[in-house]
C-alpha atoms as a PDB file:
ATOM      1  CA  MET A   1      83.208  34.905 122.403  1.00  0.00           C
ATOM      2  CA  ARG A   2      83.407  34.464 118.619  1.00  0.00           C
ATOM      3  CA  VAL A   3      87.272  33.289 118.487  1.00  0.00           C
ATOM      4  CA  LYS A   4      89.169  35.110 115.110  1.00  0.00           C
ATOM      5  CA  ALA A   5      91.980  33.042 116.125  1.00  0.00           C
ATOM      6  CA  ALA A   6      93.609  30.723 117.826  1.00  0.00           C
ATOM      7  CA  SER A   7      96.808  29.205 118.325  1.00  0.00           C
ATOM      8  CA  ILE A   8      98.508  25.831 119.393  1.00  0.00           C
ATOM      9  CA  CYS A   9     100.927  25.342 122.319  1.00  0.00           C
ATOM     10  CA  GLY A  10     102.943  22.989 123.023  1.00  0.00           C
ATOM     11  CA  THR A  11     100.520  21.540 126.349  1.00  0.00           C
ATOM     12  CA  ASP A  12      98.467  20.956 123.189  1.00  0.00           C
ATOM     13  CA  LEU A  13     100.727  19.451 121.405  1.00  0.00           C
ATOM     14  CA  HIS A  14     101.534  16.826 124.350  1.00  0.00           C
ATOM     15  CA  ILE A  15      98.133  16.255 124.625  1.00  0.00           C
ATOM     16  CA  TYR A  16      97.708  15.745 120.950  1.00  0.00           C
ATOM     17  CA  GLY A  17     100.267  13.092 121.263  1.00  0.00           C
ATOM     18  CA  TRP A  18      98.327  11.606 124.264  1.00  0.00           C
ATOM     19  CA  ASP A  19     101.230  11.254 126.696  1.00  0.00           C
ATOM     20  CA  ARG A  20     101.365  10.124 130.210  1.00  0.00           C
ATOM     21  CA  TRP A  21     100.398  13.066 131.416  1.00  0.00           C
ATOM     22  CA  SER A  22      97.573  14.232 129.425  1.00  0.00           C
ATOM     23  CA  GLN A  23      96.051  10.661 130.312  1.00  0.00           C
ATOM     24  CA  GLY A  24      96.243  11.313 133.539  1.00  0.00           C
ATOM     25  CA  ARG A  25      94.648  15.094 133.467  1.00  0.00           C
ATOM     26  CA  ILE A  26      92.506  15.417 130.804  1.00  0.00           C
ATOM     27  CA  ARG A  27      88.756  13.593 130.776  1.00  0.00           C
ATOM     28  CA  PRO A  28      87.550  13.634 127.425  1.00  0.00           C
ATOM     29  CA  PRO A  29      85.467  14.971 125.588  1.00  0.00           C
ATOM     30  CA  VAL A  30      87.243  18.230 126.268  1.00  0.00           C
ATOM     31  CA  THR A  31      87.393  20.788 122.855  1.00  0.00           C
ATOM     32  CA  LEU A  32      91.499  22.198 123.706  1.00  0.00           C
ATOM     33  CA  GLY A  33      92.966  25.118 122.746  1.00  0.00           C
ATOM     34  CA  HIS A  34      94.025  28.231 125.239  1.00  0.00           C
ATOM     35  CA  GLU A  35      95.622  30.578 123.576  1.00  0.00           C
ATOM     36  CA  PHE A  36      93.132  32.865 121.319  1.00  0.00           C
ATOM     37  CA  CYS A  37      91.857  36.885 120.530  1.00  0.00           C
ATOM     38  CA  GLY A  38      88.132  37.397 119.539  1.00  0.00           C
ATOM     39  CA  VAL A  39      85.132  39.598 119.857  1.00  0.00           C
ATOM     40  CA  VAL A  40      82.289  39.382 122.493  1.00  0.00           C
ATOM     41  CA  GLU A  41      79.525  38.022 121.111  1.00  0.00           C
ATOM     42  CA  ARG A  42      77.361  37.812 124.068  1.00  0.00           C
ATOM     43  CA  ALA A  43      77.528  38.999 127.563  1.00  0.00           C
ATOM     44  CA  GLY A  44      76.060  37.494 130.727  1.00  0.00           C
ATOM     45  CA  GLU A  45      72.878  39.802 132.266  1.00  0.00           C
ATOM     46  CA  LYS A  46      75.011  40.632 135.147  1.00  0.00           C
ATOM     47  CA  VAL A  47      78.120  41.391 132.830  1.00  0.00           C
ATOM     48  CA  ALA A  48      79.238  45.082 133.339  1.00  0.00           C
ATOM     49  CA  ALA A  49      82.859  45.283 132.894  1.00  0.00           C
ATOM     50  CA  VAL A  50      82.549  43.884 128.786  1.00  0.00           C
ATOM     51  CA  MET A  51      80.294  43.825 126.613  1.00  0.00           C
ATOM     52  CA  ALA A  52      79.286  42.678 122.959  1.00  0.00           C
ATOM     53  CA  GLY A  53      82.237  43.805 119.946  1.00  0.00           C
ATOM     54  CA  ASP A  54      84.897  44.112 122.474  1.00  0.00           C
ATOM     55  CA  PHE A  55      87.893  42.912 121.045  1.00  0.00           C
ATOM     56  CA  VAL A  56      89.485  40.424 123.869  1.00  0.00           C
ATOM     57  CA  SER A  57      91.608  37.797 125.176  1.00  0.00           C
ATOM     58  CA  ALA A  58      91.756  36.322 128.173  1.00  0.00           C
ATOM     59  CA  GLU A  59      93.685  34.296 131.117  1.00  0.00           C
ATOM     60  CA  MET A  60      92.417  30.844 130.907  1.00  0.00           C
ATOM     61  CA  HIS A  61      93.547  29.964 134.224  1.00  0.00           C
ATOM     62  CA  ILE A  62      90.628  29.786 136.468  1.00  0.00           C
ATOM     63  CA  ASN A  63      90.874  30.254 139.995  1.00  0.00           C
ATOM     64  CA  CYS A  64      88.349  30.005 143.086  1.00  0.00           C
ATOM     65  CA  GLY A  65      89.271  33.152 145.189  1.00  0.00           C
ATOM     66  CA  HIS A  66      89.186  31.744 148.416  1.00  0.00           C
ATOM     67  CA  CYS A  67      92.509  29.479 148.533  1.00  0.00           C
ATOM     68  CA  HIS A  68      95.577  30.484 150.906  1.00  0.00           C
ATOM     69  CA  GLN A  69      96.862  31.840 147.918  1.00  0.00           C
ATOM     70  CA  CYS A  70      94.345  33.184 146.192  1.00  0.00           C
ATOM     71  CA  ARG A  71      94.210  35.201 149.368  1.00  0.00           C
ATOM     72  CA  LEU A  72      97.807  36.228 149.544  1.00  0.00           C
ATOM     73  CA  GLY A  73      97.147  37.798 146.191  1.00  0.00           C
ATOM     74  CA  GLU A  74      98.940  34.299 144.355  1.00  0.00           C
ATOM     75  CA  ALA A  75      96.301  33.667 142.320  1.00  0.00           C
ATOM     76  CA  HIS A  76      98.293  31.725 139.675  1.00  0.00           C
ATOM     77  CA  ILE A  77      99.239  29.301 141.882  1.00  0.00           C
ATOM     78  CA  CYS A  78      95.501  28.271 143.360  1.00  0.00           C
ATOM     79  CA  GLN A  79      94.789  25.523 144.819  1.00  0.00           C
ATOM     80  CA  ASN A  80      91.671  24.916 142.917  1.00  0.00           C
ATOM     81  CA  LEU A  81      92.792  25.837 139.652  1.00  0.00           C
ATOM     82  CA  ARG A  82      91.346  25.129 136.486  1.00  0.00           C
ATOM     83  CA  ILE A  83      92.350  25.836 133.034  1.00  0.00           C
ATOM     84  CA  ILE A  84      89.499  26.670 130.087  1.00  0.00           C
ATOM     85  CA  GLY A  85      91.202  24.183 126.974  1.00  0.00           C
ATOM     86  CA  ILE A  86      92.150  21.796 129.954  1.00  0.00           C
ATOM     87  CA  ASP A  87      89.162  21.242 132.205  1.00  0.00           C
ATOM     88  CA  GLU A  88      86.970  22.803 130.194  1.00  0.00           C
ATOM     89  CA  ASP A  89      85.989  23.600 126.617  1.00  0.00           C
ATOM     90  CA  GLY A  90      88.813  25.859 124.522  1.00  0.00           C
ATOM     91  CA  ALA A  91      89.355  27.928 122.190  1.00  0.00           C
ATOM     92  CA  PHE A  92      89.912  25.207 119.606  1.00  0.00           C
ATOM     93  CA  ALA A  93      85.741  26.261 118.310  1.00  0.00           C
ATOM     94  CA  GLU A  94      83.786  28.985 117.077  1.00  0.00           C
ATOM     95  CA  PHE A  95      82.683  30.479 120.245  1.00  0.00           C
ATOM     96  CA  VAL A  96      84.236  29.767 123.174  1.00  0.00           C
ATOM     97  CA  LYS A  97      82.615  30.299 127.279  1.00  0.00           C
ATOM     98  CA  ILE A  98      84.945  32.355 129.562  1.00  0.00           C
ATOM     99  CA  PRO A  99      83.774  33.989 133.074  1.00  0.00           C
ATOM    100  CA  ALA A 100      84.061  38.009 132.976  1.00  0.00           C
ATOM    101  CA  ALA A 101      86.475  38.377 135.438  1.00  0.00           C
ATOM    102  CA  ASN A 102      88.835  36.902 133.239  1.00  0.00           C
ATOM    103  CA  ILE A 103      88.550  38.670 130.588  1.00  0.00           C
ATOM    104  CA  TRP A 104      91.306  40.857 128.625  1.00  0.00           C
ATOM    105  CA  ARG A 105      89.991  44.179 126.987  1.00  0.00           C
ATOM    106  CA  LEU A 106      92.669  44.602 124.046  1.00  0.00           C
ATOM    107  CA  ASP A 107      94.144  47.670 122.707  1.00  0.00           C
ATOM    108  CA  PRO A 108      92.848  47.676 118.875  1.00  0.00           C
ATOM    109  CA  ALA A 109      96.231  48.693 118.531  1.00  0.00           C
ATOM    110  CA  ILE A 110      97.525  45.745 119.369  1.00  0.00           C
ATOM    111  CA  PRO A 111      97.787  43.554 115.698  1.00  0.00           C
ATOM    112  CA  GLU A 112      95.728  40.260 115.706  1.00  0.00           C
ATOM    113  CA  HIS A 113      98.030  37.772 115.465  1.00  0.00           C
ATOM    114  CA  TYR A 114      99.937  38.868 118.745  1.00  0.00           C
ATOM    115  CA  ALA A 115      96.139  39.255 120.284  1.00  0.00           C
ATOM    116  CA  ALA A 116      95.963  35.585 119.834  1.00  0.00           C
ATOM    117  CA  ILE A 117      99.258  34.542 121.464  1.00  0.00           C
ATOM    118  CA  LEU A 118      99.153  37.065 125.161  1.00  0.00           C
ATOM    119  CA  ASP A 119      98.693  33.372 126.958  1.00  0.00           C
ATOM    120  CA  PRO A 120     102.146  32.078 126.127  1.00  0.00           C
ATOM    121  CA  LEU A 121     103.703  35.416 125.885  1.00  0.00           C
ATOM    122  CA  GLY A 122     102.418  36.062 129.262  1.00  0.00           C
ATOM    123  CA  ASN A 123     104.404  32.938 130.554  1.00  0.00           C
ATOM    124  CA  ALA A 124     108.104  34.269 128.696  1.00  0.00           C
ATOM    125  CA  VAL A 125     107.382  37.870 130.165  1.00  0.00           C
ATOM    126  CA  HIS A 126     106.254  36.830 133.575  1.00  0.00           C
ATOM    127  CA  THR A 127     109.788  34.611 133.700  1.00  0.00           C
ATOM    128  CA  VAL A 128     112.253  37.264 132.582  1.00  0.00           C
ATOM    129  CA  LEU A 129     110.499  39.712 134.989  1.00  0.00           C
ATOM    130  CA  ALA A 130     110.695  37.849 137.904  1.00  0.00           C
ATOM    131  CA  GLY A 131     113.995  39.599 138.345  1.00  0.00           C
ATOM    132  CA  ALA A 132     116.416  42.144 137.494  1.00  0.00           C
ATOM    133  CA  ILE A 133     117.050  41.730 134.068  1.00  0.00           C
ATOM    134  CA  ALA A 134     117.773  45.462 132.389  1.00  0.00           C
ATOM    135  CA  GLY A 135     122.139  45.409 132.210  1.00  0.00           C
ATOM    136  CA  GLN A 136     122.253  41.319 133.211  1.00  0.00           C
ATOM    137  CA  THR A 137     123.645  38.934 131.045  1.00  0.00           C
ATOM    138  CA  VAL A 138     120.688  36.296 130.442  1.00  0.00           C
ATOM    139  CA  LEU A 139     120.770  32.329 128.849  1.00  0.00           C
ATOM    140  CA  VAL A 140     117.907  30.916 127.567  1.00  0.00           C
ATOM    141  CA  THR A 141     117.853  26.791 127.125  1.00  0.00           C
ATOM    142  CA  GLY A 142     115.226  25.892 124.771  1.00  0.00           C
ATOM    143  CA  CYS A 143     113.926  27.846 121.866  1.00  0.00           C
ATOM    144  CA  GLY A 144     110.859  27.089 121.316  1.00  0.00           C
ATOM    145  CA  PRO A 145     108.228  29.514 120.899  1.00  0.00           C
ATOM    146  CA  ILE A 146     108.181  31.071 124.720  1.00  0.00           C
ATOM    147  CA  GLY A 147     112.286  30.719 124.442  1.00  0.00           C
ATOM    148  CA  LEU A 148     111.658  32.758 121.750  1.00  0.00           C
ATOM    149  CA  MET A 149     108.975  35.349 123.468  1.00  0.00           C
ATOM    150  CA  ALA A 150     111.618  35.421 126.305  1.00  0.00           C
ATOM    151  CA  ILE A 151     114.648  36.643 123.970  1.00  0.00           C
ATOM    152  CA  ALA A 152     112.765  39.384 122.699  1.00  0.00           C
ATOM    153  CA  VAL A 153     111.578  40.069 126.322  1.00  0.00           C
ATOM    154  CA  ALA A 154     114.963  40.598 127.390  1.00  0.00           C
ATOM    155  CA  LYS A 155     116.333  42.453 124.853  1.00  0.00           C
ATOM    156  CA  ALA A 156     113.364  44.481 125.118  1.00  0.00           C
ATOM    157  CA  CYS A 157     113.865  44.913 128.972  1.00  0.00           C
ATOM    158  CA  GLY A 158     117.636  45.781 128.657  1.00  0.00           C
ATOM    159  CA  SER A 159     119.664  42.552 129.019  1.00  0.00           C
ATOM    160  CA  SER A 160     123.251  43.552 128.051  1.00  0.00           C
ATOM    161  CA  THR A 161     123.978  40.060 126.225  1.00  0.00           C
ATOM    162  CA  VAL A 162     121.476  37.270 125.873  1.00  0.00           C
ATOM    163  CA  PHE A 163     122.703  33.938 125.288  1.00  0.00           C
ATOM    164  CA  ALA A 164     120.706  30.961 124.174  1.00  0.00           C
ATOM    165  CA  THR A 165     121.166  27.024 123.840  1.00  0.00           C
ATOM    166  CA  GLU A 166     119.061  24.964 121.267  1.00  0.00           C
ATOM    167  CA  THR A 167     119.594  21.937 119.174  1.00  0.00           C
ATOM    168  CA  ASN A 168     117.403  22.564 116.533  1.00  0.00           C
ATOM    169  CA  GLU A 169     118.982  24.115 113.510  1.00  0.00           C
ATOM    170  CA  HIS A 170     115.339  25.960 112.992  1.00  0.00           C
ATOM    171  CA  ARG A 171     114.936  27.102 115.725  1.00  0.00           C
ATOM    172  CA  ARG A 172     118.546  28.219 116.019  1.00  0.00           C
ATOM    173  CA  ALA A 173     117.570  30.461 112.472  1.00  0.00           C
ATOM    174  CA  MET A 174     114.857  31.814 114.552  1.00  0.00           C
ATOM    175  CA  ALA A 175     116.365  32.789 117.503  1.00  0.00           C
ATOM    176  CA  LYS A 176     118.859  34.671 115.839  1.00  0.00           C
ATOM    177  CA  LYS A 177     116.083  36.805 114.413  1.00  0.00           C
ATOM    178  CA  MET A 178     114.779  36.780 117.618  1.00  0.00           C
ATOM    179  CA  GLY A 179     117.355  39.044 118.620  1.00  0.00           C
ATOM    180  CA  THR A 180     119.979  36.380 120.604  1.00  0.00           C
ATOM    181  CA  ASP A 181     123.723  37.434 120.710  1.00  0.00           C
ATOM    182  CA  VAL A 182     125.061  34.089 120.633  1.00  0.00           C
ATOM    183  CA  ILE A 183     123.499  31.313 119.811  1.00  0.00           C
ATOM    184  CA  LEU A 184     125.030  28.027 120.901  1.00  0.00           C
ATOM    185  CA  ASN A 185     124.241  24.028 119.984  1.00  0.00           C
ATOM    186  CA  PRO A 186     125.306  22.115 122.522  1.00  0.00           C
ATOM    187  CA  ALA A 187     125.106  19.271 120.806  1.00  0.00           C
ATOM    188  CA  ALA A 188     127.913  20.358 118.297  1.00  0.00           C
ATOM    189  CA  GLU A 189     130.204  21.983 121.343  1.00  0.00           C
ATOM    190  CA  ASN A 190     131.217  22.978 124.820  1.00  0.00           C
ATOM    191  CA  ALA A 191     127.820  25.623 125.319  1.00  0.00           C
ATOM    192  CA  VAL A 192     128.785  25.548 129.602  1.00  0.00           C
ATOM    193  CA  ALA A 193     132.825  26.477 128.335  1.00  0.00           C
ATOM    194  CA  ARG A 194     131.625  29.038 125.537  1.00  0.00           C
ATOM    195  CA  ILE A 195     129.290  30.944 127.664  1.00  0.00           C
ATOM    196  CA  LEU A 196     131.925  30.792 130.657  1.00  0.00           C
ATOM    197  CA  ALA A 197     134.666  32.206 128.274  1.00  0.00           C
ATOM    198  CA  GLU A 198     132.635  35.475 126.862  1.00  0.00           C
ATOM    199  CA  THR A 199     131.541  36.351 130.402  1.00  0.00           C
ATOM    200  CA  GLY A 200     135.236  36.211 131.104  1.00  0.00           C
ATOM    201  CA  GLY A 201     134.927  32.999 133.425  1.00  0.00           C
ATOM    202  CA  THR A 202     131.990  34.798 135.657  1.00  0.00           C
ATOM    203  CA  GLY A 203     129.065  33.175 133.771  1.00  0.00           C
ATOM    204  CA  VAL A 204     125.375  34.561 133.200  1.00  0.00           C
ATOM    205  CA  ASP A 205     123.433  36.921 135.629  1.00  0.00           C
ATOM    206  CA  VAL A 206     120.024  35.074 134.796  1.00  0.00           C
ATOM    207  CA  LEU A 207     118.983  31.236 133.638  1.00  0.00           C
ATOM    208  CA  LEU A 208     115.710  30.975 131.671  1.00  0.00           C
ATOM    209  CA  GLU A 209     115.078  27.868 131.293  1.00  0.00           C
ATOM    210  CA  MET A 210     112.433  26.824 128.990  1.00  0.00           C
ATOM    211  CA  SER A 211     113.514  23.513 127.032  1.00  0.00           C
ATOM    212  CA  GLY A 212     112.563  21.157 130.690  1.00  0.00           C
ATOM    213  CA  ASN A 213     115.229  19.274 129.110  1.00  0.00           C
ATOM    214  CA  PRO A 214     117.524  17.523 132.072  1.00  0.00           C
ATOM    215  CA  THR A 215     120.967  17.913 130.627  1.00  0.00           C
ATOM    216  CA  ALA A 216     119.780  21.834 129.421  1.00  0.00           C
ATOM    217  CA  ILE A 217     118.935  22.425 132.611  1.00  0.00           C
ATOM    218  CA  GLN A 218     122.044  20.936 134.456  1.00  0.00           C
ATOM    219  CA  GLN A 219     123.868  23.227 132.157  1.00  0.00           C
ATOM    220  CA  GLY A 220     121.945  26.350 132.462  1.00  0.00           C
ATOM    221  CA  PHE A 221     123.285  25.882 136.167  1.00  0.00           C
ATOM    222  CA  LYS A 222     126.656  25.200 135.379  1.00  0.00           C
ATOM    223  CA  ALA A 223     126.833  28.334 133.275  1.00  0.00           C
ATOM    224  CA  LEU A 224     124.762  30.422 135.897  1.00  0.00           C
ATOM    225  CA  ARG A 225     127.355  33.366 137.988  1.00  0.00           C
ATOM    226  CA  ALA A 226     127.711  32.706 141.918  1.00  0.00           C
ATOM    227  CA  GLY A 227     124.583  34.317 143.412  1.00  0.00           C
ATOM    228  CA  GLY A 228     122.871  34.465 139.421  1.00  0.00           C
ATOM    229  CA  ARG A 229     118.945  33.775 139.564  1.00  0.00           C
ATOM    230  CA  ALA A 230     117.663  30.967 137.378  1.00  0.00           C
ATOM    231  CA  SER A 231     114.114  31.106 136.587  1.00  0.00           C
ATOM    232  CA  LEU A 232     112.386  27.779 135.189  1.00  0.00           C
ATOM    233  CA  LEU A 233     109.966  27.669 132.914  1.00  0.00           C
ATOM    234  CA  GLY A 234     110.338  24.381 131.083  1.00  0.00           C
ATOM    235  CA  ILE A 235     108.424  21.195 132.621  1.00  0.00           C
ATOM    236  CA  PRO A 236     111.049  17.686 132.811  1.00  0.00           C
ATOM    237  CA  THR A 237     109.135  15.096 132.003  1.00  0.00           C
ATOM    238  CA  GLU A 238     111.429  12.829 133.810  1.00  0.00           C
ATOM    239  CA  SER A 239     113.753  13.682 137.546  1.00  0.00           C
ATOM    240  CA  VAL A 240     116.597  15.673 136.694  1.00  0.00           C
ATOM    241  CA  PRO A 241     119.699  15.231 138.641  1.00  0.00           C
ATOM    242  CA  LEU A 242     121.430  18.128 139.881  1.00  0.00           C
ATOM    243  CA  ASP A 243     124.821  18.977 141.735  1.00  0.00           C
ATOM    244  CA  LEU A 244     123.071  21.408 144.831  1.00  0.00           C
ATOM    245  CA  VAL A 245     126.340  21.933 146.829  1.00  0.00           C
ATOM    246  CA  ASN A 246     128.285  23.345 143.807  1.00  0.00           C
ATOM    247  CA  ASP A 247     125.399  24.639 141.328  1.00  0.00           C
ATOM    248  CA  VAL A 248     123.026  26.364 144.214  1.00  0.00           C
ATOM    249  CA  ILE A 249     123.819  26.109 147.497  1.00  0.00           C
ATOM    250  CA  PHE A 250     127.736  27.357 147.531  1.00  0.00           C
ATOM    251  CA  LYS A 251     126.898  29.760 145.044  1.00  0.00           C
ATOM    252  CA  GLY A 252     124.279  31.623 146.620  1.00  0.00           C
ATOM    253  CA  ALA A 253     122.027  30.484 143.382  1.00  0.00           C
ATOM    254  CA  THR A 254     118.007  31.910 143.841  1.00  0.00           C
ATOM    255  CA  VAL A 255     115.883  29.370 142.249  1.00  0.00           C
ATOM    256  CA  GLN A 256     112.597  29.980 140.838  1.00  0.00           C
ATOM    257  CA  GLY A 257     110.095  28.169 139.858  1.00  0.00           C
ATOM    258  CA  ILE A 258     107.874  29.967 137.515  1.00  0.00           C
ATOM    259  CA  TYR A 259     104.386  28.882 136.584  1.00  0.00           C
ATOM    260  CA  GLY A 260     101.527  30.531 133.830  1.00  0.00           C
ATOM    261  CA  ARG A 261     100.831  34.049 134.276  1.00  0.00           C
ATOM    262  CA  ARG A 262     100.566  36.666 137.681  1.00  0.00           C
ATOM    263  CA  MET A 263      96.816  37.829 137.249  1.00  0.00           C
ATOM    264  CA  PHE A 264      97.279  39.965 135.883  1.00  0.00           C
ATOM    265  CA  GLN A 265     100.458  41.788 136.945  1.00  0.00           C
ATOM    266  CA  THR A 266     101.642  40.233 133.696  1.00  0.00           C
ATOM    267  CA  TRP A 267      98.866  40.793 131.931  1.00  0.00           C
ATOM    268  CA  VAL A 268      99.717  44.375 132.126  1.00  0.00           C
ATOM    269  CA  GLN A 269     103.264  44.606 131.777  1.00  0.00           C
ATOM    270  CA  MET A 270     103.162  43.017 128.609  1.00  0.00           C
ATOM    271  CA  THR A 271     100.496  45.205 127.402  1.00  0.00           C
ATOM    272  CA  ALA A 272     102.625  47.825 128.157  1.00  0.00           C
ATOM    273  CA  LEU A 273     105.505  46.036 126.243  1.00  0.00           C
ATOM    274  CA  LEU A 274     103.153  45.969 123.322  1.00  0.00           C
ATOM    275  CA  LYS A 275     101.449  49.345 122.918  1.00  0.00           C
ATOM    276  CA  ALA A 276     105.000  51.062 123.412  1.00  0.00           C
ATOM    277  CA  GLY A 277     106.110  49.114 120.389  1.00  0.00           C
ATOM    278  CA  ARG A 278     109.262  46.934 122.351  1.00  0.00           C
ATOM    279  CA  LEU A 279     108.265  43.659 120.924  1.00  0.00           C
ATOM    280  CA  ASN A 280     108.963  42.331 117.751  1.00  0.00           C
ATOM    281  CA  LEU A 281     107.315  38.788 117.506  1.00  0.00           C
ATOM    282  CA  ASP A 282     106.896  38.625 113.986  1.00  0.00           C
ATOM    283  CA  PRO A 283     109.741  35.787 113.244  1.00  0.00           C
ATOM    284  CA  LEU A 284     107.405  33.379 114.902  1.00  0.00           C
ATOM    285  CA  PHE A 285     104.828  33.138 112.762  1.00  0.00           C
ATOM    286  CA  GLY A 286     104.921  31.595 109.299  1.00  0.00           C
ATOM    287  CA  GLU A 287     101.497  30.262 109.089  1.00  0.00           C
ATOM    288  CA  ARG A 288      97.930  30.478 109.476  1.00  0.00           C
ATOM    289  CA  ALA A 289      94.994  27.505 108.464  1.00  0.00           C
ATOM    290  CA  ALA A 290      91.494  27.169 108.817  1.00  0.00           C
ATOM    291  CA  LEU A 291      90.653  25.028 111.706  1.00  0.00           C
ATOM    292  CA  GLU A 292      89.642  21.754 109.701  1.00  0.00           C
ATOM    293  CA  LYS A 293      93.502  21.507 108.746  1.00  0.00           C
ATOM    294  CA  PHE A 294      94.899  21.307 112.315  1.00  0.00           C
ATOM    295  CA  GLU A 295      96.425  17.883 111.134  1.00  0.00           C
ATOM    296  CA  GLU A 296      98.748  19.164 109.411  1.00  0.00           C
ATOM    297  CA  ALA A 297      99.569  22.079 111.771  1.00  0.00           C
ATOM    298  CA  PHE A 298     100.438  19.717 114.957  1.00  0.00           C
ATOM    299  CA  ALA A 299     102.280  17.749 112.603  1.00  0.00           C
ATOM    300  CA  ARG A 300     104.700  20.860 111.306  1.00  0.00           C
ATOM    301  CA  LEU A 301     105.076  21.560 115.303  1.00  0.00           C
ATOM    302  CA  GLN A 302     105.694  17.938 116.681  1.00  0.00           C
ATOM    303  CA  GLY A 303     108.729  17.900 113.536  1.00  0.00           C
ATOM    304  CA  GLY A 304     110.071  21.767 115.363  1.00  0.00           C
ATOM    305  CA  LEU A 305     109.279  23.017 112.239  1.00  0.00           C
ATOM    306  CA  ALA A 306     107.389  26.372 112.798  1.00  0.00           C
ATOM    307  CA  GLY A 307     107.068  28.918 115.824  1.00  0.00           C
ATOM    308  CA  LYS A 308     103.313  29.796 116.271  1.00  0.00           C
ATOM    309  CA  ILE A 309     100.653  28.423 113.930  1.00  0.00           C
ATOM    310  CA  LEU A 310      97.160  30.798 114.121  1.00  0.00           C
ATOM    311  CA  LEU A 311      94.085  28.193 113.453  1.00  0.00           C
ATOM    312  CA  TYR A 312      90.552  29.918 112.531  1.00  0.00           C
ATOM    313  CA  PRO A 313      87.255  29.143 113.249  1.00  0.00           C
ATOM    314  CA  ASN A 314      85.208  30.946 111.485  1.00  0.00           C
ATOM    315  CA  GLY A 315      87.719  31.433 108.547  1.00  0.00           C
ATOM    316  CA  LEU A 316      90.614  33.008 107.345  1.00  0.00           C
ATOM    317  CA  PRO A 317      91.176  36.655 107.524  1.00  0.00           C
ATOM    318  CA  ARG A 318      91.748  38.450 104.251  1.00  0.00           C
END
């Protein structure tokens, strides 16, 4: 694929900062980048499903097809999973090589900037649609890019009220643009008490945890109603103490770990939402940069000053 646009992911920020996880996982040299769209430049002689000139994105998780999970139709949690842009060279380059089975052909009606973020959008769609959502009250904890997308997806799929918690002022403003009904700063007010008051003391039906922050996770479970669903996508960097008795067991809560995208159910769902015009993700996009300006782009994202920044290895669009 000739890369048209590539987006910086939170995982890329971890690698760029060379944190403990990155040091244990990444084996340099490797080209980063696993959110992209592009055009097929050349296909192998045995490839029939895609051809040169196709506008595509891709599922960047490569599953083995043979392990227990793959045999059960759970390829997204394959025991031998490899990720392009982490374990193999990725899309922060002019070209990227991807197995044909992972290619997702795109409807030309999907805008290029949306096409470049289908990987993280899939994470949001997977999390939101992991259970009932229509008519439900929802709490999104953490308004990074995927949290912001989750707000838009929840509203598009019929959530009655969406609450969100976020300490970053810039991200709270973006959450409002994405459709949040009630945006809270847990550093300045008692977010749990406010949510309980707004829901008549019941709590929210659904917790979508996107922050990985221990305090936010604890607050999320406190705000969850008895019998509610907690879908956890955020990745903590430390152990998280939970009151399992009162916040999970006695509540009869359903707790789900969410990883990646279901292959390829999630891709079908998010493509349908985009083609129907149900998702307005434009507030996420404020900046585009040539790939050689990556240092400035990473610095802005590390400071929480931007949503999604698109990098263009083959030149900025006109």
